[in-house]
Amino acid sequence: MSGEPRPVLSVVIPVYDEVGSLGDLYDRLNLTLKETRQTYEIIFVDDGSRDGSMDVLRALHAQDRAVRVVRFNRNYGQHAAVLAGMARTRGDVVVTLDADLQNPPEEIPRLLAGLGDGVDVVGGWRTQRRDWWLRRAASWAVNRVTSAVVGVRMRDYGCMLRAYRRAVVDQILVCQETSQFIPALANTFATSVAEVPVAHDPRAHGRSRYGLFRLLRLNFDLLTGFSLLPIQIVSLTGIVVAVLGLGFAVFLALRRLVLGPEVEGVFTLFAILFFFVGLQILALGLIGEYVGRIYQEVRRRPRYVISEVLE
């Protein structure tokens, strides 16, 4: 592959148990890329599939020299797979796409058209989501949190259908931090970002791996992985609570001097005590999260292990 000219466009597709959609995905994607009249490569990253997806990928690689395949030894997650694919790309523009066909590959030309002068990242905006309402609500929270911590407001950070210029991809690959939420990382390096409306189809095969709990966990990871705001809020809350506690202690002392001891106030004190204990547990949890991230960074373990590469 080293002797071949570099392609203009690279498409990275993470794959996890998508054997039912890979054939249709390749046919539609290949047709769409040919219509762009740009040289291209397609990089599939098998994220530890157990349903025969790798067999399909081997067959696609055998029939098309533009198809390259990276296989993990086990499942490491969607964003780790995208990072591994990005590390193998050679194109000036890198497009990421899910393998489940909910984001139609026919929308890629819209992303490329959005990469105008000065625009480094173009994200897809799923205007008509085909997910159940609880997941849409969790995704809304992810978008709000990510916009706040990154400082770049976008309406759909969760859409994997995105286009990146080479300079941004190179900066993403230089980062060795634990946090791997690629849209957020990309927007911290991009000079300008844009969004374009894209279609969102119902899932035809399998089921989504992003359930409600995983999306809520992603919210927490974004808050602690990209911002010191949570720990700063806890510190400010501690100062406010300390001041209020001191004032309340003075009030109780004066009340005791004027009215004498009152048994009835015991239950109120217990309620306040439990409230403070809850704040302390929350603070310890946040501190533990940050300490855990430091521990992960210090270990310097690889993000993934590649067991096979087809080029």
Protein backbone atom coordinates (compact mmCIF):
# COMPACT_ATOMS: atom_id res chain seq x y z
CA MET A 1 0.00 0.00 0.00
CA SER A 2 2.92 2.38 0.60
CA GLY A 3 3.65 2.68 -3.13
CA GLU A 4 0.12 3.71 -4.04
CA PRO A 5 -0.90 7.38 -4.25
CA ARG A 6 -2.65 8.79 -1.24
CA PRO A 7 -6.43 8.90 -1.48
CA VAL A 8 -8.30 12.16 -1.06
CA LEU A 9 -11.02 10.65 1.10
CA SER A 10 -10.84 8.11 3.92
CA VAL A 11 -13.93 6.52 5.47
CA VAL A 12 -13.61 4.91 8.90
CA ILE A 13 -16.32 2.47 10.02
CA PRO A 14 -16.32 0.78 13.45
CA VAL A 15 -17.95 -2.65 13.35
CA TYR A 16 -19.35 -4.68 16.22
CA ASP A 17 -21.68 -7.60 15.40
CA GLU A 18 -23.05 -6.02 12.21
CA VAL A 19 -22.94 -9.05 9.91
CA GLY A 20 -26.48 -8.38 8.70
CA SER A 21 -25.76 -4.89 7.36
CA LEU A 22 -22.17 -5.02 6.08
CA GLY A 23 -22.94 -6.19 2.55
CA ASP A 24 -25.59 -3.55 1.93
CA LEU A 25 -23.43 -0.92 3.60
CA TYR A 26 -20.49 -1.64 1.33
CA ASP A 27 -22.60 -1.59 -1.84
CA ARG A 28 -24.25 1.72 -1.01
CA LEU A 29 -21.06 3.32 0.30
CA ASN A 30 -18.98 2.24 -2.67
CA LEU A 31 -21.55 3.67 -5.10
CA THR A 32 -21.71 6.96 -3.19
CA LEU A 33 -17.93 7.36 -3.06
CA LYS A 34 -17.57 6.68 -6.77
CA GLU A 35 -20.09 9.45 -7.47
CA THR A 36 -17.86 11.95 -5.63
CA ARG A 37 -15.16 11.36 -8.30
CA GLN A 38 -12.51 11.41 -5.57
CA THR A 39 -9.96 8.73 -4.79
CA TYR A 40 -10.91 6.96 -1.58
CA GLU A 41 -10.23 4.20 0.91
CA ILE A 42 -12.61 2.40 3.28
CA ILE A 43 -11.27 1.27 6.64
CA PHE A 44 -13.37 -1.15 8.67
CA VAL A 45 -12.38 -1.70 12.31
CA ASP A 46 -13.75 -4.92 13.78
CA ASP A 47 -14.25 -4.14 17.48
CA GLY A 48 -14.23 -7.75 18.68
CA SER A 49 -17.29 -8.98 16.76
CA ARG A 50 -18.59 -12.46 17.54
CA ASP A 51 -21.18 -12.93 14.81
CA GLY A 52 -19.07 -13.55 11.71
CA SER A 53 -18.60 -9.89 10.76
CA MET A 54 -14.88 -10.47 10.27
CA ASP A 55 -15.54 -13.15 7.65
CA VAL A 56 -17.59 -10.65 5.64
CA LEU A 57 -14.85 -8.04 6.00
CA ARG A 58 -12.24 -10.48 4.73
CA ALA A 59 -14.38 -11.16 1.66
CA LEU A 60 -14.81 -7.41 1.01
CA HIS A 61 -11.08 -6.87 1.32
CA ALA A 62 -10.39 -9.70 -1.12
CA GLN A 63 -12.65 -8.19 -3.78
CA ASP A 64 -11.78 -4.49 -3.39
CA ARG A 65 -8.28 -3.03 -2.93
CA ALA A 66 -9.82 0.14 -1.48
CA VAL A 67 -11.06 -1.83 1.54
CA ARG A 68 -8.72 -2.14 4.51
CA VAL A 69 -9.54 -3.98 7.72
CA VAL A 70 -8.27 -3.65 11.29
CA ARG A 71 -9.29 -6.25 13.85
CA PHE A 72 -9.16 -5.90 17.64
CA ASN A 73 -8.46 -8.89 19.87
CA ARG A 74 -11.59 -8.01 21.88
CA ASN A 75 -14.18 -5.27 22.27
CA TYR A 76 -12.73 -1.87 23.25
CA GLY A 77 -15.60 0.43 22.34
CA GLN A 78 -16.74 2.52 19.42
CA HIS A 79 -14.44 5.48 19.93
CA ALA A 80 -11.35 3.30 20.38
CA ALA A 81 -12.23 1.64 17.06
CA VAL A 82 -12.58 5.02 15.35
CA LEU A 83 -9.20 6.12 16.72
CA ALA A 84 -7.57 2.93 15.43
CA GLY A 85 -9.12 3.54 12.02
CA MET A 86 -8.03 7.17 11.98
CA ALA A 87 -4.47 6.08 12.72
CA ARG A 88 -4.53 4.07 9.46
CA THR A 89 -6.05 6.78 7.26
CA ARG A 90 -4.12 8.58 4.54
CA GLY A 91 -6.77 10.87 3.08
CA ASP A 92 -6.97 14.65 3.29
CA VAL A 93 -10.53 14.30 4.61
CA VAL A 94 -11.63 11.59 7.05
CA VAL A 95 -15.29 10.61 7.32
CA THR A 96 -16.61 8.46 10.17
CA LEU A 97 -19.73 6.35 9.74
CA ASP A 98 -21.59 3.74 11.77
CA ALA A 99 -22.06 0.28 10.27
CA ASP A 100 -25.73 -0.09 11.23
CA LEU A 101 -27.02 1.99 8.25
CA GLN A 102 -29.06 4.30 10.49
CA ASN A 103 -26.91 7.08 9.05
CA PRO A 104 -27.21 6.55 5.27
CA PRO A 105 -23.85 6.63 3.45
CA GLU A 106 -25.60 8.61 0.71
CA GLU A 107 -25.37 11.64 3.04
CA ILE A 108 -21.56 11.80 2.81
CA PRO A 109 -21.58 14.32 -0.11
CA ARG A 110 -23.48 16.73 2.17
CA LEU A 111 -20.65 16.57 4.68
CA LEU A 112 -18.04 17.14 1.99
CA ALA A 113 -19.96 20.12 0.66
CA GLY A 114 -20.01 21.58 4.18
CA LEU A 115 -16.20 21.55 4.39
CA GLY A 116 -15.92 25.03 2.96
CA ASP A 117 -13.20 27.61 3.50
CA GLY A 118 -12.06 27.63 7.11
CA VAL A 119 -14.31 24.75 8.22
CA ASP A 120 -12.36 21.91 9.79
CA VAL A 121 -15.15 19.66 11.08
CA VAL A 122 -18.64 19.00 9.75
CA GLY A 123 -21.07 17.03 11.89
CA GLY A 124 -24.30 15.39 10.87
CA TRP A 125 -27.45 16.65 12.56
CA ARG A 126 -30.18 14.00 12.74
CA THR A 127 -33.27 16.19 12.44
CA GLN A 128 -35.68 13.23 12.48
CA ARG A 129 -34.38 10.76 15.08
CA ARG A 130 -35.58 7.15 14.81
CA ASP A 131 -34.85 6.26 18.42
CA TRP A 132 -37.16 5.82 21.40
CA TRP A 133 -37.94 8.99 23.37
CA LEU A 134 -35.89 8.11 26.47
CA ARG A 135 -32.75 7.71 24.41
CA ARG A 136 -33.47 10.98 22.61
CA ALA A 137 -33.77 12.68 26.00
CA ALA A 138 -30.42 11.25 27.13
CA SER A 139 -28.82 12.31 23.84
CA TRP A 140 -30.19 15.83 24.36
CA ALA A 141 -28.42 15.89 27.74
CA VAL A 142 -25.17 14.70 26.13
CA ASN A 143 -25.39 17.49 23.55
CA ARG A 144 -25.97 20.14 26.22
CA VAL A 145 -23.18 18.88 28.47
CA THR A 146 -20.69 18.52 25.61
CA SER A 147 -21.50 21.98 24.26
CA ALA A 148 -20.91 23.42 27.73
CA VAL A 149 -17.60 21.70 28.49
CA VAL A 150 -16.11 22.05 24.98
CA GLY A 151 -17.38 25.58 24.40
CA VAL A 152 -18.68 24.76 20.91
CA ARG A 153 -22.45 24.50 20.60
CA MET A 154 -23.70 21.72 18.34
CA ARG A 155 -27.13 20.13 18.16
CA ASP A 156 -25.99 16.54 17.64
CA TYR A 157 -22.67 15.48 19.15
CA GLY A 158 -23.80 11.86 19.13
CA CYS A 159 -24.03 11.49 15.36
CA MET A 160 -21.11 9.40 14.10
CA LEU A 161 -21.56 10.66 10.53
CA ARG A 162 -18.89 13.37 10.56
CA ALA A 163 -16.10 14.73 8.35
CA TYR A 164 -12.70 15.92 9.59
CA ARG A 165 -9.84 17.63 7.85
CA ARG A 166 -6.45 15.94 8.10
CA ALA A 167 -5.01 18.61 10.42
CA VAL A 168 -7.70 17.93 13.03
CA VAL A 169 -7.27 14.14 12.75
CA ASP A 170 -3.53 14.50 13.30
CA GLN A 171 -4.14 16.51 16.47
CA ILE A 172 -6.63 13.92 17.74
CA LEU A 173 -4.08 11.15 17.21
CA VAL A 174 -1.41 13.07 19.11
CA CYS A 175 -3.63 13.12 22.22
CA GLN A 176 -2.91 10.23 24.57
CA GLU A 177 -5.41 11.12 27.27
CA THR A 178 -7.95 8.65 28.60
CA SER A 179 -10.98 10.58 27.32
CA GLN A 180 -11.87 9.28 23.86
CA PHE A 181 -15.06 11.12 22.90
CA ILE A 182 -13.87 12.06 19.42
CA PRO A 183 -16.42 14.78 18.50
CA ALA A 184 -15.47 16.71 21.65
CA LEU A 185 -11.74 16.21 21.06
CA ALA A 186 -12.08 17.34 17.44
CA ASN A 187 -13.97 20.51 18.31
CA THR A 188 -11.28 21.57 20.78
CA PHE A 189 -8.77 21.63 17.90
CA ALA A 190 -10.95 22.87 15.03
CA THR A 191 -10.82 26.48 13.91
CA SER A 192 -14.42 26.32 12.73
CA VAL A 193 -17.13 23.66 12.87
CA ALA A 194 -20.42 23.26 11.05
CA GLU A 195 -23.48 21.02 11.05
CA VAL A 196 -25.58 19.78 8.17
CA PRO A 197 -28.98 18.04 8.40
CA VAL A 198 -28.78 14.32 7.61
CA ALA A 199 -31.30 11.52 7.44
CA HIS A 200 -31.66 8.95 10.21
CA ASP A 201 -33.18 5.61 9.29
CA PRO A 202 -34.61 2.91 11.58
CA ARG A 203 -32.16 0.19 12.56
CA ALA A 204 -32.69 -2.82 10.30
CA HIS A 205 -30.38 -5.33 11.99
CA GLY A 206 -29.28 -6.00 15.56
CA ARG A 207 -29.68 -3.54 18.40
CA SER A 208 -27.95 -0.39 19.57
CA ARG A 209 -25.14 -0.67 22.14
CA TYR A 210 -25.84 2.82 23.44
CA GLY A 211 -28.51 2.24 26.06
CA LEU A 212 -29.79 4.77 28.56
CA PHE A 213 -27.24 3.89 31.25
CA ARG A 214 -24.33 4.14 28.81
CA LEU A 215 -25.48 7.57 27.65
CA LEU A 216 -25.79 8.77 31.27
CA ARG A 217 -22.32 7.41 31.95
CA LEU A 218 -21.07 9.28 28.90
CA ASN A 219 -22.49 12.49 30.37
CA PHE A 220 -20.52 11.96 33.55
CA ASP A 221 -17.35 11.07 31.62
CA LEU A 222 -17.66 14.25 29.57
CA LEU A 223 -18.06 16.40 32.65
CA THR A 224 -15.03 14.96 34.42
CA GLY A 225 -12.91 14.23 31.35
CA PHE A 226 -13.07 17.61 29.64
CA SER A 227 -13.69 20.07 32.45
CA LEU A 228 -12.78 20.95 36.03
CA LEU A 229 -16.21 22.56 36.48
CA PRO A 230 -17.70 19.75 38.64
CA ILE A 231 -14.92 19.87 41.21
CA GLN A 232 -15.01 23.67 41.17
CA ILE A 233 -18.76 23.61 41.81
CA VAL A 234 -18.22 21.24 44.73
CA SER A 235 -15.58 23.59 46.17
CA LEU A 236 -17.86 26.61 45.85
CA THR A 237 -20.73 24.63 47.35
CA GLY A 238 -18.49 23.70 50.28
CA ILE A 239 -17.70 27.35 50.91
CA VAL A 240 -21.37 28.34 50.76
CA VAL A 241 -22.42 25.46 53.03
CA ALA A 242 -19.68 26.34 55.52
CA VAL A 243 -20.84 29.95 55.69
CA LEU A 244 -24.49 28.92 56.05
CA GLY A 245 -23.55 26.35 58.66
CA LEU A 246 -21.68 28.95 60.71
CA GLY A 247 -24.63 31.32 60.50
CA PHE A 248 -27.04 28.57 61.51
CA ALA A 249 -24.83 27.62 64.46
CA VAL A 250 -24.86 31.23 65.69
CA PHE A 251 -28.64 31.33 65.25
CA LEU A 252 -29.12 28.14 67.29
CA ALA A 253 -26.80 29.38 70.04
CA LEU A 254 -28.73 32.64 70.36
CA ARG A 255 -32.06 30.82 70.25
CA ARG A 256 -30.91 28.48 73.01
CA LEU A 257 -29.87 31.43 75.18
CA VAL A 258 -33.23 33.15 74.71
CA LEU A 259 -35.69 30.23 74.73
CA GLY A 260 -33.74 27.44 76.38
CA PRO A 261 -33.20 23.90 75.01
CA GLU A 262 -35.88 22.53 72.65
CA VAL A 263 -36.24 18.83 71.95
CA GLU A 264 -38.41 19.47 68.88
CA GLY A 265 -35.43 20.78 66.92
CA VAL A 266 -33.63 17.42 66.93
CA PHE A 267 -35.38 16.16 63.79
CA THR A 268 -34.52 19.33 61.89
CA LEU A 269 -30.88 18.94 62.86
CA PHE A 270 -30.88 15.33 61.68
CA ALA A 271 -32.34 16.37 58.31
CA ILE A 272 -29.65 19.02 57.90
CA LEU A 273 -26.98 16.55 58.96
CA PHE A 274 -28.11 14.00 56.35
CA PHE A 275 -28.07 16.72 53.70
CA PHE A 276 -24.47 17.61 54.55
CA VAL A 277 -23.46 13.95 54.58
CA GLY A 278 -24.97 13.57 51.11
CA LEU A 279 -22.95 16.54 49.85
CA GLN A 280 -19.80 15.02 51.30
CA ILE A 281 -20.43 11.68 49.59
CA LEU A 282 -21.03 13.50 46.29
CA ALA A 283 -17.80 15.43 46.72
CA LEU A 284 -15.85 12.26 47.53
CA GLY A 285 -17.33 10.57 44.46
CA LEU A 286 -16.21 13.41 42.18
CA ILE A 287 -12.76 13.49 43.72
CA GLY A 288 -12.53 9.72 43.31
CA GLU A 289 -13.48 10.05 39.63
CA TYR A 290 -10.70 12.56 39.00
CA VAL A 291 -8.20 10.47 40.97
CA GLY A 292 -9.25 7.40 38.97
CA ARG A 293 -8.61 9.27 35.72
CA ILE A 294 -5.16 10.25 36.94
CA TYR A 295 -4.52 6.59 37.78
CA GLN A 296 -5.56 5.54 34.28
CA GLU A 297 -3.30 8.16 32.71
CA VAL A 298 -0.31 7.10 34.84
CA ARG A 299 -0.68 3.41 33.88
CA ARG A 300 -0.27 4.33 30.20
CA ARG A 301 -1.97 1.17 29.02
CA PRO A 302 -2.72 0.91 25.28
CA ARG A 303 -6.21 1.96 24.24
CA TYR A 304 -6.62 -1.19 22.17
CA VAL A 305 -4.75 -4.25 20.90
CA ILE A 306 -4.78 -5.05 17.18
CA SER A 307 -4.73 -8.75 16.32
CA GLU A 308 -4.99 -8.55 12.52
CA VAL A 309 -4.60 -6.00 9.73
CA LEU A 310 -5.67 -6.48 6.11
CA GLU A 311 -4.20 -3.93 3.70
